[in-house]
């Protein structure tokens, strides 16, 4: 629905770096990453 920030960032929990998009989906803020391996991912809440 909306993108509020785009920046290069590390996701230390998932062990990845890339472009982090701060997005809104269904009214909730989340992060979507375009990793340095050219794959899109979101961070899972649990293993």
ModelCIF file with pLDDT and N, C-alpha, C, O atoms, coordinates in Angstrom:
data_MODEL
#
_entry.id   MODEL 
#
_entity.id                         1 
_entity.type                       polymer 
_entity.pdbx_number_of_molecules   1 
#
_entity_poly.entity_id                      1 
_entity_poly.type                           'polypeptide(L)' 
_entity_poly.nstd_linkage                   no 
_entity_poly.nstd_monomer                   no 
_entity_poly.pdbx_seq_one_letter_code       
;(UNK)(UNK)(UNK)(UNK)(UNK)(UNK)(UNK)(UNK)(UNK)(UNK)(UNK)(UNK)(UNK)(UNK)(UNK)(UNK)
(UNK)(UNK)(UNK)(UNK)(UNK)(UNK)(UNK)(UNK)(UNK)(UNK)(UNK)(UNK)(UNK)(UNK)(UNK)(UNK)
(UNK)(UNK)(UNK)(UNK)(UNK)(UNK)(UNK)(UNK)(UNK)(UNK)(UNK)(UNK)(UNK)(UNK)(UNK)
;
_entity_poly.pdbx_seq_one_letter_code_can   XXXXXXXXXXXXXXXXXXXXXXXXXXXXXXXXXXXXXXXXXXXXXXX 
_entity_poly.pdbx_strand_id                 A 
#
loop_
_entity_poly_seq.entity_id 
_entity_poly_seq.num 
_entity_poly_seq.mon_id 
_entity_poly_seq.hetero 
1 1  UNK n 
1 2  UNK n 
1 3  UNK n 
1 4  UNK n 
1 5  UNK n 
1 6  UNK n 
1 7  UNK n 
1 8  UNK n 
1 9  UNK n 
1 10 UNK n 
1 11 UNK n 
1 12 UNK n 
1 13 UNK n 
1 14 UNK n 
1 15 UNK n 
1 16 UNK n 
1 17 UNK n 
1 18 UNK n 
1 19 UNK n 
1 20 UNK n 
1 21 UNK n 
1 22 UNK n 
1 23 UNK n 
1 24 UNK n 
1 25 UNK n 
1 26 UNK n 
1 27 UNK n 
1 28 UNK n 
1 29 UNK n 
1 30 UNK n 
1 31 UNK n 
1 32 UNK n 
1 33 UNK n 
1 34 UNK n 
1 35 UNK n 
1 36 UNK n 
1 37 UNK n 
1 38 UNK n 
1 39 UNK n 
1 40 UNK n 
1 41 UNK n 
1 42 UNK n 
1 43 UNK n 
1 44 UNK n 
1 45 UNK n 
1 46 UNK n 
1 47 UNK n 
#
_struct_asym.id          A 
_struct_asym.entity_id   1 
#
loop_
_ma_qa_metric.id 
_ma_qa_metric.mode 
_ma_qa_metric.name 
_ma_qa_metric.software_group_id 
_ma_qa_metric.type 
1 global pLDDT . pLDDT 
2 local  pLDDT . pLDDT 
#
_ma_qa_metric_global.metric_id      1 
_ma_qa_metric_global.metric_value   90.94 
_ma_qa_metric_global.model_id       1 
_ma_qa_metric_global.ordinal_id     1 
#
loop_
_ma_qa_metric_local.label_asym_id 
_ma_qa_metric_local.label_comp_id 
_ma_qa_metric_local.label_seq_id 
_ma_qa_metric_local.metric_id 
_ma_qa_metric_local.metric_value 
_ma_qa_metric_local.model_id 
_ma_qa_metric_local.ordinal_id 
A UNK 1  2 97.00 1 1  
A UNK 2  2 97.00 1 2  
A UNK 3  2 98.00 1 3  
A UNK 4  2 98.00 1 4  
A UNK 5  2 98.00 1 5  
A UNK 6  2 97.00 1 6  
A UNK 7  2 97.00 1 7  
A UNK 8  2 96.00 1 8  
A UNK 9  2 95.00 1 9  
A UNK 10 2 89.00 1 10 
A UNK 11 2 86.00 1 11 
A UNK 12 2 83.00 1 12 
A UNK 13 2 80.00 1 13 
A UNK 14 2 80.00 1 14 
A UNK 15 2 81.00 1 15 
A UNK 16 2 86.00 1 16 
A UNK 17 2 90.00 1 17 
A UNK 18 2 95.00 1 18 
A UNK 19 2 97.00 1 19 
A UNK 20 2 96.00 1 20 
A UNK 21 2 97.00 1 21 
A UNK 22 2 97.00 1 22 
A UNK 23 2 97.00 1 23 
A UNK 24 2 97.00 1 24 
A UNK 25 2 95.00 1 25 
A UNK 26 2 94.00 1 26 
A UNK 27 2 93.00 1 27 
A UNK 28 2 94.00 1 28 
A UNK 29 2 95.00 1 29 
A UNK 30 2 93.00 1 30 
A UNK 31 2 93.00 1 31 
A UNK 32 2 96.00 1 32 
A UNK 33 2 96.00 1 33 
A UNK 34 2 97.00 1 34 
A UNK 35 2 94.00 1 35 
A UNK 36 2 93.00 1 36 
A UNK 37 2 93.00 1 37 
A UNK 38 2 95.00 1 38 
A UNK 39 2 96.00 1 39 
A UNK 40 2 97.00 1 40 
A UNK 41 2 95.00 1 41 
A UNK 42 2 93.00 1 42 
A UNK 43 2 85.00 1 43 
A UNK 44 2 80.00 1 44 
A UNK 45 2 70.00 1 45 
A UNK 46 2 61.00 1 46 
A UNK 47 2 52.00 1 47 
#
loop_
_atom_site.group_PDB 
_atom_site.id 
_atom_site.type_symbol 
_atom_site.label_atom_id 
_atom_site.label_alt_id 
_atom_site.label_comp_id 
_atom_site.label_asym_id 
_atom_site.label_entity_id 
_atom_site.label_seq_id 
_atom_site.pdbx_PDB_ins_code 
_atom_site.Cartn_x 
_atom_site.Cartn_y 
_atom_site.Cartn_z 
_atom_site.occupancy 
_atom_site.B_iso_or_equiv 
_atom_site.pdbx_formal_charge 
_atom_site.auth_seq_id 
_atom_site.auth_comp_id 
_atom_site.auth_asym_id 
_atom_site.auth_atom_id 
_atom_site.pdbx_PDB_model_num 
ATOM 1   N N  . UNK A 1 1  ? 0.805  -1.214  0.000  1.00 97.00 ? 1  UNK A N  1 
ATOM 2   C CA . UNK A 1 1  ? 0.000  0.000   0.000  1.00 97.00 ? 1  UNK A CA 1 
ATOM 3   C C  . UNK A 1 1  ? 0.841  1.268   0.000  1.00 97.00 ? 1  UNK A C  1 
ATOM 4   O O  . UNK A 1 1  ? 0.460  2.283   -0.584 1.00 97.00 ? 1  UNK A O  1 
ATOM 5   N N  . UNK A 1 2  ? 1.989  1.195   0.663  1.00 97.00 ? 2  UNK A N  1 
ATOM 6   C CA . UNK A 1 2  ? 2.827  2.386   0.779  1.00 97.00 ? 2  UNK A CA 1 
ATOM 7   C C  . UNK A 1 2  ? 4.255  1.971   1.089  1.00 97.00 ? 2  UNK A C  1 
ATOM 8   O O  . UNK A 1 2  ? 4.483  0.976   1.778  1.00 97.00 ? 2  UNK A O  1 
ATOM 9   N N  . UNK A 1 3  ? 5.217  2.733   0.580  1.00 98.00 ? 3  UNK A N  1 
ATOM 10  C CA . UNK A 1 3  ? 6.633  2.564   0.900  1.00 98.00 ? 3  UNK A CA 1 
ATOM 11  C C  . UNK A 1 3  ? 7.076  3.838   1.590  1.00 98.00 ? 3  UNK A C  1 
ATOM 12  O O  . UNK A 1 3  ? 6.970  4.926   1.025  1.00 98.00 ? 3  UNK A O  1 
ATOM 13  N N  . UNK A 1 4  ? 7.572  3.705   2.815  1.00 98.00 ? 4  UNK A N  1 
ATOM 14  C CA . UNK A 1 4  ? 7.962  4.892   3.575  1.00 98.00 ? 4  UNK A CA 1 
ATOM 15  C C  . UNK A 1 4  ? 9.468  5.099   3.655  1.00 98.00 ? 4  UNK A C  1 
ATOM 16  O O  . UNK A 1 4  ? 9.922  6.189   4.001  1.00 98.00 ? 4  UNK A O  1 
ATOM 17  N N  . UNK A 1 5  ? 10.258 4.056   3.336  1.00 98.00 ? 5  UNK A N  1 
ATOM 18  C CA . UNK A 1 5  ? 11.712 4.196   3.408  1.00 98.00 ? 5  UNK A CA 1 
ATOM 19  C C  . UNK A 1 5  ? 12.360 3.132   2.546  1.00 98.00 ? 5  UNK A C  1 
ATOM 20  O O  . UNK A 1 5  ? 11.878 2.002   2.468  1.00 98.00 ? 5  UNK A O  1 
ATOM 21  N N  . UNK A 1 6  ? 13.452 3.498   1.900  1.00 97.00 ? 6  UNK A N  1 
ATOM 22  C CA . UNK A 1 6  ? 14.262 2.559   1.127  1.00 97.00 ? 6  UNK A CA 1 
ATOM 23  C C  . UNK A 1 6  ? 15.714 2.872   1.465  1.00 97.00 ? 6  UNK A C  1 
ATOM 24  O O  . UNK A 1 6  ? 16.171 4.003   1.302  1.00 97.00 ? 6  UNK A O  1 
ATOM 25  N N  . UNK A 1 7  ? 16.435 1.856   1.937  1.00 97.00 ? 7  UNK A N  1 
ATOM 26  C CA . UNK A 1 7  ? 17.847 2.064   2.288  1.00 97.00 ? 7  UNK A CA 1 
ATOM 27  C C  . UNK A 1 7  ? 18.595 0.746   2.288  1.00 97.00 ? 7  UNK A C  1 
ATOM 28  O O  . UNK A 1 7  ? 18.007 -0.326  2.431  1.00 97.00 ? 7  UNK A O  1 
ATOM 29  N N  . UNK A 1 8  ? 19.899 0.848   2.124  1.00 96.00 ? 8  UNK A N  1 
ATOM 30  C CA . UNK A 1 8  ? 20.751 -0.329  2.249  1.00 96.00 ? 8  UNK A CA 1 
ATOM 31  C C  . UNK A 1 8  ? 20.854 -0.638  3.729  1.00 96.00 ? 8  UNK A C  1 
ATOM 32  O O  . UNK A 1 8  ? 21.149 0.240   4.539  1.00 96.00 ? 8  UNK A O  1 
ATOM 33  N N  . UNK A 1 9  ? 20.610 -1.896  4.076  1.00 95.00 ? 9  UNK A N  1 
ATOM 34  C CA . UNK A 1 9  ? 20.614 -2.268  5.491  1.00 95.00 ? 9  UNK A CA 1 
ATOM 35  C C  . UNK A 1 9  ? 20.963 -3.733  5.654  1.00 95.00 ? 9  UNK A C  1 
ATOM 36  O O  . UNK A 1 9  ? 20.804 -4.538  4.736  1.00 95.00 ? 9  UNK A O  1 
ATOM 37  N N  . UNK A 1 10 ? 21.438 -4.057  6.832  1.00 89.00 ? 10 UNK A N  1 
ATOM 38  C CA . UNK A 1 10 ? 21.716 -5.445  7.196  1.00 89.00 ? 10 UNK A CA 1 
ATOM 39  C C  . UNK A 1 10 ? 20.578 -5.959  8.061  1.00 89.00 ? 10 UNK A C  1 
ATOM 40  O O  . UNK A 1 10 ? 20.033 -5.238  8.897  1.00 89.00 ? 10 UNK A O  1 
ATOM 41  N N  . UNK A 1 11 ? 20.235 -7.202  7.848  1.00 86.00 ? 11 UNK A N  1 
ATOM 42  C CA . UNK A 1 11 ? 19.280 -7.878  8.715  1.00 86.00 ? 11 UNK A CA 1 
ATOM 43  C C  . UNK A 1 11 ? 20.116 -8.874  9.502  1.00 86.00 ? 11 UNK A C  1 
ATOM 44  O O  . UNK A 1 11 ? 20.391 -9.975  9.025  1.00 86.00 ? 11 UNK A O  1 
ATOM 45  N N  . UNK A 1 12 ? 20.519 -8.491  10.702 1.00 83.00 ? 12 UNK A N  1 
ATOM 46  C CA . UNK A 1 12 ? 21.432 -9.320  11.485 1.00 83.00 ? 12 UNK A CA 1 
ATOM 47  C C  . UNK A 1 12 ? 20.785 -10.619 11.938 1.00 83.00 ? 12 UNK A C  1 
ATOM 48  O O  . UNK A 1 12 ? 21.458 -11.643 12.052 1.00 83.00 ? 12 UNK A O  1 
ATOM 49  N N  . UNK A 1 13 ? 19.501 -10.583 12.193 1.00 80.00 ? 13 UNK A N  1 
ATOM 50  C CA . UNK A 1 13 ? 18.793 -11.787 12.638 1.00 80.00 ? 13 UNK A CA 1 
ATOM 51  C C  . UNK A 1 13 ? 18.773 -12.853 11.538 1.00 80.00 ? 13 UNK A C  1 
ATOM 52  O O  . UNK A 1 13 ? 18.989 -14.036 11.800 1.00 80.00 ? 13 UNK A O  1 
ATOM 53  N N  . UNK A 1 14 ? 18.514 -12.416 10.316 1.00 80.00 ? 14 UNK A N  1 
ATOM 54  C CA . UNK A 1 14 ? 18.447 -13.358 9.199  1.00 80.00 ? 14 UNK A CA 1 
ATOM 55  C C  . UNK A 1 14 ? 19.817 -13.558 8.547  1.00 80.00 ? 14 UNK A C  1 
ATOM 56  O O  . UNK A 1 14 ? 19.986 -14.466 7.732  1.00 80.00 ? 14 UNK A O  1 
ATOM 57  N N  . UNK A 1 15 ? 20.781 -12.729 8.894  1.00 81.00 ? 15 UNK A N  1 
ATOM 58  C CA . UNK A 1 15 ? 22.124 -12.879 8.355  1.00 81.00 ? 15 UNK A CA 1 
ATOM 59  C C  . UNK A 1 15 ? 22.214 -12.486 6.897  1.00 81.00 ? 15 UNK A C  1 
ATOM 60  O O  . UNK A 1 15 ? 22.732 -13.246 6.079  1.00 81.00 ? 15 UNK A O  1 
ATOM 61  N N  . UNK A 1 16 ? 21.715 -11.302 6.560  1.00 86.00 ? 16 UNK A N  1 
ATOM 62  C CA . UNK A 1 16 ? 21.714 -10.886 5.159  1.00 86.00 ? 16 UNK A CA 1 
ATOM 63  C C  . UNK A 1 16 ? 21.863 -9.375  5.063  1.00 86.00 ? 16 UNK A C  1 
ATOM 64  O O  . UNK A 1 16 ? 21.582 -8.643  6.012  1.00 86.00 ? 16 UNK A O  1 
ATOM 65  N N  . UNK A 1 17 ? 22.312 -8.927  3.898  1.00 90.00 ? 17 UNK A N  1 
ATOM 66  C CA . UNK A 1 17 ? 22.351 -7.502  3.599  1.00 90.00 ? 17 UNK A CA 1 
ATOM 67  C C  . UNK A 1 17 ? 21.672 -7.285  2.262  1.00 90.00 ? 17 UNK A C  1 
ATOM 68  O O  . UNK A 1 17 ? 21.545 -8.202  1.450  1.00 90.00 ? 17 UNK A O  1 
ATOM 69  N N  . UNK A 1 18 ? 21.239 -6.056  2.052  1.00 95.00 ? 18 UNK A N  1 
ATOM 70  C CA . UNK A 1 18 ? 20.588 -5.721  0.796  1.00 95.00 ? 18 UNK A CA 1 
ATOM 71  C C  . UNK A 1 18 ? 19.835 -4.417  0.930  1.00 95.00 ? 18 UNK A C  1 
ATOM 72  O O  . UNK A 1 18 ? 20.138 -3.595  1.795  1.00 95.00 ? 18 UNK A O  1 
ATOM 73  N N  . UNK A 1 19 ? 18.859 -4.236  0.074  1.00 97.00 ? 19 UNK A N  1 
ATOM 74  C CA . UNK A 1 19 ? 18.018 -3.052  0.110  1.00 97.00 ? 19 UNK A CA 1 
ATOM 75  C C  . UNK A 1 19 ? 16.784 -3.366  0.950  1.00 97.00 ? 19 UNK A C  1 
ATOM 76  O O  . UNK A 1 19 ? 16.049 -4.311  0.660  1.00 97.00 ? 19 UNK A O  1 
ATOM 77  N N  . UNK A 1 20 ? 16.564 -2.569  1.988  1.00 96.00 ? 20 UNK A N  1 
ATOM 78  C CA . UNK A 1 20 ? 15.409 -2.772  2.869  1.00 96.00 ? 20 UNK A CA 1 
ATOM 79  C C  . UNK A 1 20 ? 14.328 -1.758  2.515  1.00 96.00 ? 20 UNK A C  1 
ATOM 80  O O  . UNK A 1 20 ? 14.571 -0.551  2.501  1.00 96.00 ? 20 UNK A O  1 
ATOM 81  N N  . UNK A 1 21 ? 13.153 -2.259  2.235  1.00 97.00 ? 21 UNK A N  1 
ATOM 82  C CA . UNK A 1 21 ? 11.973 -1.439  1.968  1.00 97.00 ? 21 UNK A CA 1 
ATOM 83  C C  . UNK A 1 21 ? 11.089 -1.483  3.202  1.00 97.00 ? 21 UNK A C  1 
ATOM 84  O O  . UNK A 1 21 ? 10.685 -2.563  3.634  1.00 97.00 ? 21 UNK A O  1 
ATOM 85  N N  . UNK A 1 22 ? 10.783 -0.329  3.773  1.00 97.00 ? 22 UNK A N  1 
ATOM 86  C CA . UNK A 1 22 ? 9.789  -0.255  4.835  1.00 97.00 ? 22 UNK A CA 1 
ATOM 87  C C  . UNK A 1 22 ? 8.460  -0.041  4.133  1.00 97.00 ? 22 UNK A C  1 
ATOM 88  O O  . UNK A 1 22 ? 8.240  0.973   3.471  1.00 97.00 ? 22 UNK A O  1 
ATOM 89  N N  . UNK A 1 23 ? 7.579  -1.020  4.293  1.00 97.00 ? 23 UNK A N  1 
ATOM 90  C CA . UNK A 1 23 ? 6.331  -1.019  3.534  1.00 97.00 ? 23 UNK A CA 1 
ATOM 91  C C  . UNK A 1 23 ? 5.136  -1.139  4.477  1.00 97.00 ? 23 UNK A C  1 
ATOM 92  O O  . UNK A 1 23 ? 5.274  -1.512  5.642  1.00 97.00 ? 23 UNK A O  1 
ATOM 93  N N  . UNK A 1 24 ? 3.961  -0.812  3.941  1.00 97.00 ? 24 UNK A N  1 
ATOM 94  C CA . UNK A 1 24 ? 2.697  -1.041  4.636  1.00 97.00 ? 24 UNK A CA 1 
ATOM 95  C C  . UNK A 1 24 ? 1.868  -2.008  3.810  1.00 97.00 ? 24 UNK A C  1 
ATOM 96  O O  . UNK A 1 24 ? 1.646  -1.809  2.616  1.00 97.00 ? 24 UNK A O  1 
ATOM 97  N N  . UNK A 1 25 ? 1.413  -3.069  4.486  1.00 95.00 ? 25 UNK A N  1 
ATOM 98  C CA . UNK A 1 25 ? 0.553  -4.079  3.887  1.00 95.00 ? 25 UNK A CA 1 
ATOM 99  C C  . UNK A 1 25 ? -0.611 -4.298  4.841  1.00 95.00 ? 25 UNK A C  1 
ATOM 100 O O  . UNK A 1 25 ? -0.402 -4.597  6.016  1.00 95.00 ? 25 UNK A O  1 
ATOM 101 N N  . UNK A 1 26 ? -1.817 -4.154  4.351  1.00 94.00 ? 26 UNK A N  1 
ATOM 102 C CA . UNK A 1 26 ? -3.026 -4.283  5.182  1.00 94.00 ? 26 UNK A CA 1 
ATOM 103 C C  . UNK A 1 26 ? -2.957 -3.385  6.422  1.00 94.00 ? 26 UNK A C  1 
ATOM 104 O O  . UNK A 1 26 ? -3.450 -3.755  7.487  1.00 94.00 ? 26 UNK A O  1 
ATOM 105 N N  . UNK A 1 27 ? -2.347 -2.213  6.280  1.00 93.00 ? 27 UNK A N  1 
ATOM 106 C CA . UNK A 1 27 ? -2.272 -1.255  7.371  1.00 93.00 ? 27 UNK A CA 1 
ATOM 107 C C  . UNK A 1 27 ? -1.148 -1.485  8.363  1.00 93.00 ? 27 UNK A C  1 
ATOM 108 O O  . UNK A 1 27 ? -1.002 -0.712  9.310  1.00 93.00 ? 27 UNK A O  1 
ATOM 109 N N  . UNK A 1 28 ? -0.341 -2.537  8.169  1.00 94.00 ? 28 UNK A N  1 
ATOM 110 C CA . UNK A 1 28 ? 0.741  -2.857  9.093  1.00 94.00 ? 28 UNK A CA 1 
ATOM 111 C C  . UNK A 1 28 ? 2.093  -2.574  8.452  1.00 94.00 ? 28 UNK A C  1 
ATOM 112 O O  . UNK A 1 28 ? 2.310  -2.852  7.273  1.00 94.00 ? 28 UNK A O  1 
ATOM 113 N N  . UNK A 1 29 ? 2.999  -2.015  9.254  1.00 95.00 ? 29 UNK A N  1 
ATOM 114 C CA . UNK A 1 29 ? 4.361  -1.769  8.779  1.00 95.00 ? 29 UNK A CA 1 
ATOM 115 C C  . UNK A 1 29 ? 5.150  -3.067  8.793  1.00 95.00 ? 29 UNK A C  1 
ATOM 116 O O  . UNK A 1 29 ? 5.024  -3.874  9.715  1.00 95.00 ? 29 UNK A O  1 
ATOM 117 N N  . UNK A 1 30 ? 5.959  -3.260  7.769  1.00 93.00 ? 30 UNK A N  1 
ATOM 118 C CA . UNK A 1 30 ? 6.805  -4.442  7.667  1.00 93.00 ? 30 UNK A CA 1 
ATOM 119 C C  . UNK A 1 30 ? 8.047  -4.070  6.879  1.00 93.00 ? 30 UNK A C  1 
ATOM 120 O O  . UNK A 1 30 ? 8.140  -2.977  6.321  1.00 93.00 ? 30 UNK A O  1 
ATOM 121 N N  . UNK A 1 31 ? 9.001  -4.991  6.838  1.00 93.00 ? 31 UNK A N  1 
ATOM 122 C CA . UNK A 1 31 ? 10.205 -4.788  6.037  1.00 93.00 ? 31 UNK A CA 1 
ATOM 123 C C  . UNK A 1 31 ? 10.293 -5.882  4.978  1.00 93.00 ? 31 UNK A C  1 
ATOM 124 O O  . UNK A 1 31 ? 10.101 -7.066  5.255  1.00 93.00 ? 31 UNK A O  1 
ATOM 125 N N  . UNK A 1 32 ? 10.584 -5.453  3.784  1.00 96.00 ? 32 UNK A N  1 
ATOM 126 C CA . UNK A 1 32 ? 10.800 -6.339  2.646  1.00 96.00 ? 32 UNK A CA 1 
ATOM 127 C C  . UNK A 1 32 ? 12.219 -6.084  2.172  1.00 96.00 ? 32 UNK A C  1 
ATOM 128 O O  . UNK A 1 32 ? 12.623 -4.934  2.002  1.00 96.00 ? 32 UNK A O  1 
ATOM 129 N N  . UNK A 1 33 ? 12.971 -7.142  1.960  1.00 96.00 ? 33 UNK A N  1 
ATOM 130 C CA . UNK A 1 33 ? 14.374 -7.009  1.569  1.00 96.00 ? 33 UNK A CA 1 
ATOM 131 C C  . UNK A 1 33 ? 14.598 -7.530  0.153  1.00 96.00 ? 33 UNK A C  1 
ATOM 132 O O  . UNK A 1 33 ? 14.042 -8.551  -0.251 1.00 96.00 ? 33 UNK A O  1 
ATOM 133 N N  . UNK A 1 34 ? 15.421 -6.806  -0.581 1.00 97.00 ? 34 UNK A N  1 
ATOM 134 C CA . UNK A 1 34 ? 15.962 -7.298  -1.849 1.00 97.00 ? 34 UNK A CA 1 
ATOM 135 C C  . UNK A 1 34 ? 17.421 -7.586  -1.559 1.00 97.00 ? 34 UNK A C  1 
ATOM 136 O O  . UNK A 1 34 ? 18.256 -6.682  -1.549 1.00 97.00 ? 34 UNK A O  1 
ATOM 137 N N  . UNK A 1 35 ? 17.720 -8.860  -1.324 1.00 94.00 ? 35 UNK A N  1 
ATOM 138 C CA . UNK A 1 35 ? 19.038 -9.262  -0.850 1.00 94.00 ? 35 UNK A CA 1 
ATOM 139 C C  . UNK A 1 35 ? 20.125 -9.140  -1.902 1.00 94.00 ? 35 UNK A C  1 
ATOM 140 O O  . UNK A 1 35 ? 19.855 -9.039  -3.099 1.00 94.00 ? 35 UNK A O  1 
ATOM 141 N N  . UNK A 1 36 ? 21.349 -9.153  -1.426 1.00 93.00 ? 36 UNK A N  1 
ATOM 142 C CA . UNK A 1 36 ? 22.503 -9.086  -2.327 1.00 93.00 ? 36 UNK A CA 1 
ATOM 143 C C  . UNK A 1 36 ? 22.588 -10.298 -3.252 1.00 93.00 ? 36 UNK A C  1 
ATOM 144 O O  . UNK A 1 36 ? 23.342 -10.284 -4.225 1.00 93.00 ? 36 UNK A O  1 
ATOM 145 N N  . UNK A 1 37 ? 21.820 -11.347 -2.953 1.00 93.00 ? 37 UNK A N  1 
ATOM 146 C CA . UNK A 1 37 ? 21.758 -12.531 -3.821 1.00 93.00 ? 37 UNK A CA 1 
ATOM 147 C C  . UNK A 1 37 ? 20.632 -12.406 -4.850 1.00 93.00 ? 37 UNK A C  1 
ATOM 148 O O  . UNK A 1 37 ? 20.288 -13.376 -5.527 1.00 93.00 ? 37 UNK A O  1 
ATOM 149 N N  . UNK A 1 38 ? 20.054 -11.182 -4.962 1.00 95.00 ? 38 UNK A N  1 
ATOM 150 C CA . UNK A 1 38 ? 18.995 -10.873 -5.940 1.00 95.00 ? 38 UNK A CA 1 
ATOM 151 C C  . UNK A 1 38 ? 17.712 -11.657 -5.687 1.00 95.00 ? 38 UNK A C  1 
ATOM 152 O O  . UNK A 1 38 ? 17.000 -12.012 -6.625 1.00 95.00 ? 38 UNK A O  1 
ATOM 153 N N  . UNK A 1 39 ? 17.421 -11.925 -4.412 1.00 96.00 ? 39 UNK A N  1 
ATOM 154 C CA . UNK A 1 39 ? 16.193 -12.613 -4.025 1.00 96.00 ? 39 UNK A CA 1 
ATOM 155 C C  . UNK A 1 39 ? 15.447 -11.752 -3.017 1.00 96.00 ? 39 UNK A C  1 
ATOM 156 O O  . UNK A 1 39 ? 16.063 -11.091 -2.181 1.00 96.00 ? 39 UNK A O  1 
ATOM 157 N N  . UNK A 1 40 ? 14.117 -11.759 -3.095 1.00 97.00 ? 40 UNK A N  1 
ATOM 158 C CA . UNK A 1 40 ? 13.272 -11.011 -2.178 1.00 97.00 ? 40 UNK A CA 1 
ATOM 159 C C  . UNK A 1 40 ? 12.953 -11.882 -0.966 1.00 97.00 ? 40 UNK A C  1 
ATOM 160 O O  . UNK A 1 40 ? 12.680 -13.074 -1.109 1.00 97.00 ? 40 UNK A O  1 
ATOM 161 N N  . UNK A 1 41 ? 12.988 -11.279 0.245  1.00 95.00 ? 41 UNK A N  1 
ATOM 162 C CA . UNK A 1 41 ? 12.576 -12.021 1.434  1.00 95.00 ? 41 UNK A CA 1 
ATOM 163 C C  . UNK A 1 41 ? 12.008 -11.074 2.481  1.00 95.00 ? 41 UNK A C  1 
ATOM 164 O O  . UNK A 1 41 ? 12.269 -9.871  2.477  1.00 95.00 ? 41 UNK A O  1 
ATOM 165 N N  . UNK A 1 42 ? 11.226 -11.660 3.372  1.00 93.00 ? 42 UNK A N  1 
ATOM 166 C CA . UNK A 1 42 ? 10.753 -10.976 4.568  1.00 93.00 ? 42 UNK A CA 1 
ATOM 167 C C  . UNK A 1 42 ? 11.321 -11.731 5.755  1.00 93.00 ? 42 UNK A C  1 
ATOM 168 O O  . UNK A 1 42 ? 11.683 -12.902 5.644  1.00 93.00 ? 42 UNK A O  1 
ATOM 169 N N  . UNK A 1 43 ? 11.397 -11.058 6.887  1.00 85.00 ? 43 UNK A N  1 
ATOM 170 C CA . UNK A 1 43 ? 11.925 -11.697 8.076  1.00 85.00 ? 43 UNK A CA 1 
ATOM 171 C C  . UNK A 1 43 ? 10.819 -12.471 8.768  1.00 85.00 ? 43 UNK A C  1 
ATOM 172 O O  . UNK A 1 43 ? 9.755  -11.926 9.063  1.00 85.00 ? 43 UNK A O  1 
ATOM 173 N N  . UNK A 1 44 ? 11.077 -13.752 9.025  1.00 80.00 ? 44 UNK A N  1 
ATOM 174 C CA . UNK A 1 44 ? 10.135 -14.570 9.775  1.00 80.00 ? 44 UNK A CA 1 
ATOM 175 C C  . UNK A 1 44 ? 10.202 -14.230 11.249 1.00 80.00 ? 44 UNK A C  1 
ATOM 176 O O  . UNK A 1 44 ? 11.238 -13.782 11.739 1.00 80.00 ? 44 UNK A O  1 
ATOM 177 N N  . UNK A 1 45 ? 9.121  -14.435 11.947 1.00 70.00 ? 45 UNK A N  1 
ATOM 178 C CA . UNK A 1 45 ? 9.062  -14.124 13.374 1.00 70.00 ? 45 UNK A CA 1 
ATOM 179 C C  . UNK A 1 45 ? 9.672  -15.227 14.231 1.00 70.00 ? 45 UNK A C  1 
ATOM 180 O O  . UNK A 1 45 ? 10.150 -14.966 15.335 1.00 70.00 ? 45 UNK A O  1 
ATOM 181 N N  . UNK A 1 46 ? 9.658  -16.460 13.723 1.00 61.00 ? 46 UNK A N  1 
ATOM 182 C CA . UNK A 1 46 ? 10.182 -17.596 14.465 1.00 61.00 ? 46 UNK A CA 1 
ATOM 183 C C  . UNK A 1 46 ? 11.072 -18.412 13.546 1.00 61.00 ? 46 UNK A C  1 
ATOM 184 O O  . UNK A 1 46 ? 10.989 -18.307 12.322 1.00 61.00 ? 46 UNK A O  1 
ATOM 185 N N  . UNK A 1 47 ? 11.917 -19.222 14.150 1.00 52.00 ? 47 UNK A N  1 
ATOM 186 C CA . UNK A 1 47 ? 12.679 -20.174 13.365 1.00 52.00 ? 47 UNK A CA 1 
ATOM 187 C C  . UNK A 1 47 ? 11.711 -21.168 12.745 1.00 52.00 ? 47 UNK A C  1 
ATOM 188 O O  . UNK A 1 47 ? 12.133 -22.077 12.031 1.00 52.00 ? 47 UNK A O  1 
#
